[in-house]
Amino acid sequence: MTAAAEGSAPLAASRPGRKPLLQSESAQGLALITPTFLYALVLLVLPILVVIAHSFWTQHYLTIDRTFTLENYRIALTEPIYRDLLWRSLYISLVTSVATVVLAYPIAYYISFHGGHRKGLWLFLITIPFWTSYLLRVMSWKVILGYNGVLNSGLMGLGIIDKPITALLYNSNAVIITLVHAWAAFAILPIFVSLEKVDRTLIEAAKDLGDGPLRSFLRVTLPLSAPGVISALLIVMIPTVGDYVTPKLVGGKDGVMIANAIQAQFGKASNWPLGAALSVTTMIVVTAMAGAAVLIIRRAARLAR
């Protein structure tokens, strides 16, 4: 037995880096991400596959014909009402995301560069309005923009207008204003995180080389914070296309979006396949628009350097 042990010692010593399979880093990492991956697969991917499958079927009252058809996509792409709603939704989403980022960037910049030791307090104050219900915040804007609302009453009290303005509510502009406020914090936070990562010595170096505040901002700060801008743009753009609560409450007939049509197909119309086709079409168009926006911003950031 002594000889066998002595003979096996060199063999064991020749493989010092060998670990059992369950103790390797790759196996441990796989074990950590597997539950999350399965959770995402079941709750995210599976519903999307179900929606895609429904988009190729036909519904007759309460029964679904599973015969493959592209009729739903033909209706979604050629019917003027759905095409117009989709373009309106993309327009509202794009304007909302750009306006939100433009308004959020100065706030995030001030907190990052001038917030001092009160940065946490500023971020805390920004999130306070979002502790309330989303519906309550939307209804608050309905009160502000209404015919006898806060804004019209204030303008009439100051003598700026003689009678209430009717164009403030129940149109696309009201939807955009409400969505910009609703998603402001979601744009401020990623931009702030990106600005915090900007190396301040690079800004000082730009100033030492003769750049003024505006030039150093355009050549150093803005390009380096582009990832936060892109993240904020996508965070706002993608969900707002599918928002149907805000258009229903403050949009009126001129602010209806594609999500309202999808909700109607899954609800009152009881036409799930057409609603699924509208959903898939919207997802594809939004994905393409988001990808184009990312490429444009990255290109602009490179040119700014």
Protein backbone atom coordinates (compact mmCIF):
# COMPACT_ATOMS: atom_id res chain seq x y z
CA MET A 1 0.00 0.00 0.00
CA THR A 2 2.95 2.29 0.70
CA ALA A 3 4.29 1.78 -2.79
CA ALA A 4 0.89 2.45 -4.34
CA ALA A 5 0.54 5.64 -2.35
CA GLU A 6 4.02 6.76 -3.35
CA GLY A 7 3.24 6.00 -7.01
CA SER A 8 0.02 8.00 -6.96
CA ALA A 9 1.61 11.05 -5.34
CA PRO A 10 3.39 12.26 -8.50
CA LEU A 11 0.18 11.74 -10.47
CA ALA A 12 -1.80 13.93 -8.05
CA ALA A 13 0.97 16.52 -7.99
CA SER A 14 1.03 16.67 -11.80
CA ARG A 15 -2.54 18.07 -11.78
CA PRO A 16 -2.44 20.89 -9.23
CA GLY A 17 -4.99 23.10 -11.08
CA ARG A 18 -7.65 20.41 -11.49
CA LYS A 19 -10.85 21.07 -9.48
CA PRO A 20 -14.01 19.05 -9.10
CA LEU A 21 -16.71 20.10 -11.57
CA LEU A 22 -19.04 21.55 -8.94
CA GLN A 23 -16.22 23.62 -7.40
CA SER A 24 -15.11 25.32 -10.64
CA GLU A 25 -15.90 29.01 -11.11
CA SER A 26 -17.81 28.42 -14.35
CA ALA A 27 -20.06 25.82 -12.73
CA GLN A 28 -20.73 28.06 -9.75
CA GLY A 29 -21.52 30.99 -12.03
CA LEU A 30 -23.86 28.82 -14.07
CA ALA A 31 -25.60 27.65 -10.91
CA LEU A 32 -26.10 31.27 -9.85
CA ILE A 33 -27.62 32.51 -13.11
CA THR A 34 -29.73 29.43 -13.89
CA PRO A 35 -32.69 30.31 -11.57
CA THR A 36 -32.79 33.89 -12.88
CA PHE A 37 -32.50 32.70 -16.47
CA LEU A 38 -35.34 30.22 -16.03
CA TYR A 39 -37.44 32.88 -14.30
CA ALA A 40 -36.90 35.30 -17.19
CA LEU A 41 -37.53 32.54 -19.72
CA VAL A 42 -40.87 31.58 -18.18
CA LEU A 43 -42.19 35.07 -17.37
CA LEU A 44 -40.73 37.07 -20.27
CA VAL A 45 -39.93 34.90 -23.27
CA LEU A 46 -42.84 32.45 -22.96
CA PRO A 47 -45.58 35.16 -23.00
CA ILE A 48 -43.95 36.75 -26.05
CA LEU A 49 -43.96 33.40 -27.83
CA VAL A 50 -47.63 32.95 -26.94
CA VAL A 51 -48.43 36.39 -28.37
CA ILE A 52 -46.48 35.64 -31.56
CA ALA A 53 -48.31 32.32 -31.96
CA HIS A 54 -51.70 34.02 -31.54
CA SER A 55 -50.82 36.59 -34.20
CA PHE A 56 -50.89 33.85 -36.87
CA TRP A 57 -54.30 32.49 -35.84
CA THR A 58 -57.88 33.65 -36.35
CA GLN A 59 -60.59 34.17 -33.76
CA HIS A 60 -64.27 33.53 -34.44
CA TYR A 61 -66.21 34.88 -31.48
CA LEU A 62 -65.08 32.61 -28.59
CA THR A 63 -63.20 30.02 -30.65
CA ILE A 64 -59.71 30.35 -32.10
CA ASP A 65 -58.84 28.81 -35.46
CA ARG A 66 -55.17 27.76 -35.30
CA THR A 67 -54.78 27.63 -39.06
CA PHE A 68 -51.71 29.64 -40.07
CA THR A 69 -52.59 32.99 -41.64
CA LEU A 70 -51.02 36.39 -42.27
CA GLU A 71 -54.36 38.19 -42.45
CA ASN A 72 -53.85 39.85 -39.07
CA TYR A 73 -50.54 41.37 -40.17
CA ARG A 74 -52.12 42.55 -43.41
CA ILE A 75 -54.79 44.37 -41.40
CA ALA A 76 -52.23 45.77 -38.95
CA LEU A 77 -50.02 47.15 -41.71
CA THR A 78 -52.55 48.30 -44.30
CA GLU A 79 -55.56 49.56 -42.34
CA PRO A 80 -55.23 53.37 -42.14
CA ILE A 81 -56.51 53.56 -38.56
CA TYR A 82 -53.84 51.22 -37.17
CA ARG A 83 -51.10 52.71 -39.32
CA ASP A 84 -51.96 56.23 -38.17
CA LEU A 85 -52.14 55.14 -34.53
CA LEU A 86 -48.72 53.50 -34.80
CA TRP A 87 -47.10 56.58 -36.32
CA ARG A 88 -48.75 58.80 -33.73
CA SER A 89 -47.48 56.54 -30.96
CA LEU A 90 -43.94 56.62 -32.35
CA TYR A 91 -44.11 60.40 -32.66
CA ILE A 92 -45.35 60.85 -29.09
CA SER A 93 -42.77 58.39 -27.77
CA LEU A 94 -39.88 60.03 -29.61
CA VAL A 95 -40.84 63.57 -28.60
CA THR A 96 -41.43 62.45 -25.01
CA SER A 97 -38.06 60.70 -24.76
CA VAL A 98 -36.11 63.59 -26.30
CA ALA A 99 -37.91 66.19 -24.16
CA THR A 100 -37.41 64.12 -21.02
CA VAL A 101 -33.69 63.68 -21.64
CA VAL A 102 -33.22 67.36 -22.51
CA LEU A 103 -34.93 68.42 -19.28
CA ALA A 104 -33.32 65.69 -17.17
CA TYR A 105 -29.72 66.32 -18.26
CA PRO A 106 -29.30 69.76 -16.61
CA ILE A 107 -30.77 68.41 -13.36
CA ALA A 108 -28.45 65.40 -13.37
CA TYR A 109 -25.50 67.65 -14.30
CA TYR A 110 -26.20 70.04 -11.43
CA ILE A 111 -26.50 67.23 -8.89
CA SER A 112 -23.33 65.52 -10.13
CA PHE A 113 -21.08 68.59 -10.42
CA HIS A 114 -22.59 70.96 -7.86
CA GLY A 115 -24.51 68.73 -5.46
CA GLY A 116 -21.57 68.33 -3.10
CA HIS A 117 -22.29 66.19 -0.07
CA ARG A 118 -26.04 66.64 -0.64
CA LYS A 119 -26.21 64.48 -3.77
CA GLY A 120 -28.08 61.74 -1.95
CA LEU A 121 -30.60 64.26 -0.63
CA TRP A 122 -31.23 65.67 -4.11
CA LEU A 123 -31.80 62.20 -5.54
CA PHE A 124 -34.11 61.43 -2.64
CA LEU A 125 -36.16 64.55 -3.30
CA ILE A 126 -36.45 63.69 -6.99
CA THR A 127 -37.96 60.30 -6.22
CA ILE A 128 -40.56 61.59 -3.70
CA PRO A 129 -43.27 62.40 -6.30
CA PHE A 130 -42.97 58.86 -7.62
CA TRP A 131 -44.03 57.37 -4.30
CA THR A 132 -47.61 58.14 -5.24
CA SER A 133 -49.75 56.16 -7.66
CA TYR A 134 -49.12 56.61 -11.37
CA LEU A 135 -52.86 57.11 -11.90
CA LEU A 136 -52.91 59.84 -9.26
CA ARG A 137 -50.10 61.72 -11.01
CA VAL A 138 -51.88 61.46 -14.35
CA MET A 139 -55.11 62.71 -12.83
CA SER A 140 -53.18 65.61 -11.27
CA TRP A 141 -52.14 66.75 -14.73
CA LYS A 142 -55.77 66.48 -15.80
CA VAL A 143 -56.61 68.93 -13.04
CA ILE A 144 -53.72 71.23 -13.99
CA LEU A 145 -54.44 71.30 -17.74
CA GLY A 146 -58.24 71.24 -17.55
CA TYR A 147 -60.58 73.93 -18.86
CA ASN A 148 -61.03 75.29 -15.36
CA GLY A 149 -57.74 73.88 -14.17
CA VAL A 150 -54.83 75.37 -12.29
CA LEU A 151 -52.99 76.62 -15.38
CA ASN A 152 -55.97 78.33 -17.01
CA SER A 153 -57.04 79.85 -13.68
CA GLY A 154 -53.54 81.17 -13.06
CA LEU A 155 -53.20 82.70 -16.54
CA MET A 156 -56.62 84.33 -16.26
CA GLY A 157 -55.77 85.64 -12.80
CA LEU A 158 -52.61 87.26 -14.17
CA GLY A 159 -54.56 88.81 -17.02
CA ILE A 160 -52.58 86.98 -19.70
CA ILE A 161 -55.68 85.37 -21.24
CA ASP A 162 -59.34 86.39 -21.25
CA LYS A 163 -60.89 82.92 -21.42
CA PRO A 164 -59.64 79.41 -20.72
CA ILE A 165 -57.50 77.70 -23.34
CA THR A 166 -59.14 74.55 -24.65
CA ALA A 167 -56.03 73.18 -26.41
CA LEU A 168 -54.22 72.19 -23.22
CA LEU A 169 -56.08 68.94 -22.60
CA TYR A 170 -57.33 65.95 -24.62
CA ASN A 171 -54.69 65.99 -27.35
CA SER A 172 -51.19 64.69 -28.08
CA ASN A 173 -49.56 67.63 -26.30
CA ALA A 174 -51.28 66.74 -23.03
CA VAL A 175 -50.07 63.15 -23.38
CA ILE A 176 -46.49 64.30 -24.00
CA ILE A 177 -46.49 66.69 -21.03
CA THR A 178 -47.86 64.03 -18.70
CA LEU A 179 -45.44 61.35 -19.90
CA VAL A 180 -42.43 63.69 -19.59
CA HIS A 181 -43.26 64.27 -15.94
CA ALA A 182 -44.05 60.61 -15.32
CA TRP A 183 -40.69 59.38 -16.65
CA ALA A 184 -38.44 62.25 -15.52
CA ALA A 185 -36.79 60.37 -12.65
CA PHE A 186 -36.09 57.37 -14.87
CA ALA A 187 -34.06 59.66 -17.14
CA ILE A 188 -32.30 61.64 -14.41
CA LEU A 189 -30.86 58.63 -12.58
CA PRO A 190 -28.97 56.92 -15.46
CA ILE A 191 -27.62 60.26 -16.69
CA PHE A 192 -26.47 61.09 -13.17
CA VAL A 193 -24.69 57.73 -12.85
CA SER A 194 -22.96 58.32 -16.18
CA LEU A 195 -21.88 61.83 -15.18
CA GLU A 196 -20.48 60.53 -11.90
CA LYS A 197 -18.10 58.31 -13.88
CA VAL A 198 -16.69 61.24 -15.88
CA ASP A 199 -13.06 61.85 -14.89
CA ARG A 200 -12.88 65.43 -13.64
CA THR A 201 -9.20 65.66 -14.51
CA LEU A 202 -10.09 65.42 -18.20
CA ILE A 203 -12.31 68.48 -17.86
CA GLU A 204 -9.52 70.36 -16.08
CA ALA A 205 -7.09 69.32 -18.82
CA ALA A 206 -9.46 70.64 -21.49
CA LYS A 207 -9.68 73.97 -19.67
CA ASP A 208 -5.89 74.13 -19.33
CA LEU A 209 -5.61 73.62 -23.09
CA GLY A 210 -7.82 76.64 -23.74
CA ASP A 211 -11.33 75.17 -23.96
CA GLY A 212 -14.10 77.26 -22.47
CA PRO A 213 -16.93 75.81 -20.39
CA LEU A 214 -19.17 75.16 -23.41
CA ARG A 215 -16.42 73.66 -25.55
CA SER A 216 -15.14 71.41 -22.77
CA PHE A 217 -18.70 70.27 -22.13
CA LEU A 218 -19.30 69.43 -25.78
CA ARG A 219 -15.92 67.74 -26.27
CA VAL A 220 -15.46 65.97 -22.93
CA THR A 221 -18.49 65.80 -20.64
CA LEU A 222 -21.23 65.13 -23.17
CA PRO A 223 -19.43 62.37 -25.13
CA LEU A 224 -18.37 60.61 -21.92
CA SER A 225 -21.93 60.76 -20.58
CA ALA A 226 -23.41 59.43 -23.83
CA PRO A 227 -24.05 55.93 -22.37
CA GLY A 228 -26.30 57.48 -19.72
CA VAL A 229 -28.10 59.55 -22.35
CA ILE A 230 -28.67 56.46 -24.49
CA SER A 231 -29.92 54.50 -21.49
CA ALA A 232 -32.30 57.28 -20.48
CA LEU A 233 -33.57 57.62 -24.04
CA LEU A 234 -34.34 53.92 -24.31
CA ILE A 235 -35.81 53.69 -20.81
CA VAL A 236 -38.32 56.39 -21.71
CA MET A 237 -38.89 55.58 -25.38
CA ILE A 238 -39.73 51.88 -25.21
CA PRO A 239 -42.39 51.91 -22.45
CA THR A 240 -44.13 55.09 -23.58
CA VAL A 241 -45.06 53.52 -26.93
CA GLY A 242 -47.10 50.93 -25.05
CA ASP A 243 -48.72 53.32 -22.58
CA TYR A 244 -52.52 53.26 -22.81
CA VAL A 245 -53.53 54.71 -19.43
CA THR A 246 -52.21 58.23 -20.06
CA PRO A 247 -53.76 58.61 -23.54
CA LYS A 248 -57.07 57.32 -22.21
CA LEU A 249 -57.18 59.82 -19.35
CA VAL A 250 -55.69 62.98 -20.88
CA GLY A 251 -55.41 62.25 -24.61
CA GLY A 252 -58.98 62.28 -25.83
CA LYS A 253 -59.65 61.26 -29.43
CA ASP A 254 -56.60 63.19 -30.68
CA GLY A 255 -54.25 61.49 -28.24
CA VAL A 256 -55.21 57.85 -28.72
CA MET A 257 -52.19 55.58 -29.22
CA ILE A 258 -51.63 52.10 -30.62
CA ALA A 259 -51.72 50.57 -27.13
CA ASN A 260 -55.34 51.68 -26.77
CA ALA A 261 -56.21 49.80 -29.96
CA ILE A 262 -54.37 46.71 -28.71
CA GLN A 263 -56.18 46.90 -25.38
CA ALA A 264 -59.50 47.20 -27.22
CA GLN A 265 -58.77 44.13 -29.33
CA PHE A 266 -57.90 42.04 -26.28
CA GLY A 267 -60.88 43.46 -24.39
CA LYS A 268 -64.16 44.61 -25.93
CA ALA A 269 -63.46 43.38 -29.47
CA SER A 270 -62.36 39.92 -28.26
CA ASN A 271 -60.01 39.59 -31.21
CA TRP A 272 -56.81 38.34 -29.61
CA PRO A 273 -55.03 37.39 -32.87
CA LEU A 274 -55.39 40.91 -34.29
CA GLY A 275 -54.31 42.40 -30.96
CA ALA A 276 -51.31 40.07 -30.96
CA ALA A 277 -50.39 41.07 -34.52
CA LEU A 278 -50.59 44.75 -33.56
CA SER A 279 -48.38 44.03 -30.54
CA VAL A 280 -45.74 42.17 -32.56
CA THR A 281 -45.72 44.85 -35.26
CA THR A 282 -45.27 47.55 -32.63
CA MET A 283 -42.43 45.61 -30.95
CA ILE A 284 -40.57 45.25 -34.25
CA VAL A 285 -40.97 48.92 -35.17
CA VAL A 286 -39.94 50.10 -31.69
CA THR A 287 -36.88 47.83 -31.73
CA ALA A 288 -35.82 49.26 -35.08
CA MET A 289 -36.41 52.83 -33.89
CA ALA A 290 -34.47 52.24 -30.67
CA GLY A 291 -31.56 50.73 -32.58
CA ALA A 292 -31.50 53.67 -34.97
CA ALA A 293 -31.56 56.13 -32.07
CA VAL A 294 -28.59 54.38 -30.41
CA LEU A 295 -26.57 54.46 -33.63
CA ILE A 296 -27.34 58.14 -34.22
CA ILE A 297 -26.36 59.15 -30.67
CA ARG A 298 -23.13 57.14 -30.78
CA ARG A 299 -22.26 58.64 -34.15
CA ALA A 300 -22.93 62.14 -32.84
CA ALA A 301 -20.79 61.46 -29.75
CA ARG A 302 -17.89 60.31 -31.92
CA LEU A 303 -18.15 63.37 -34.13
CA ALA A 304 -18.19 65.60 -31.04
CA ARG A 305 -14.81 64.22 -30.02
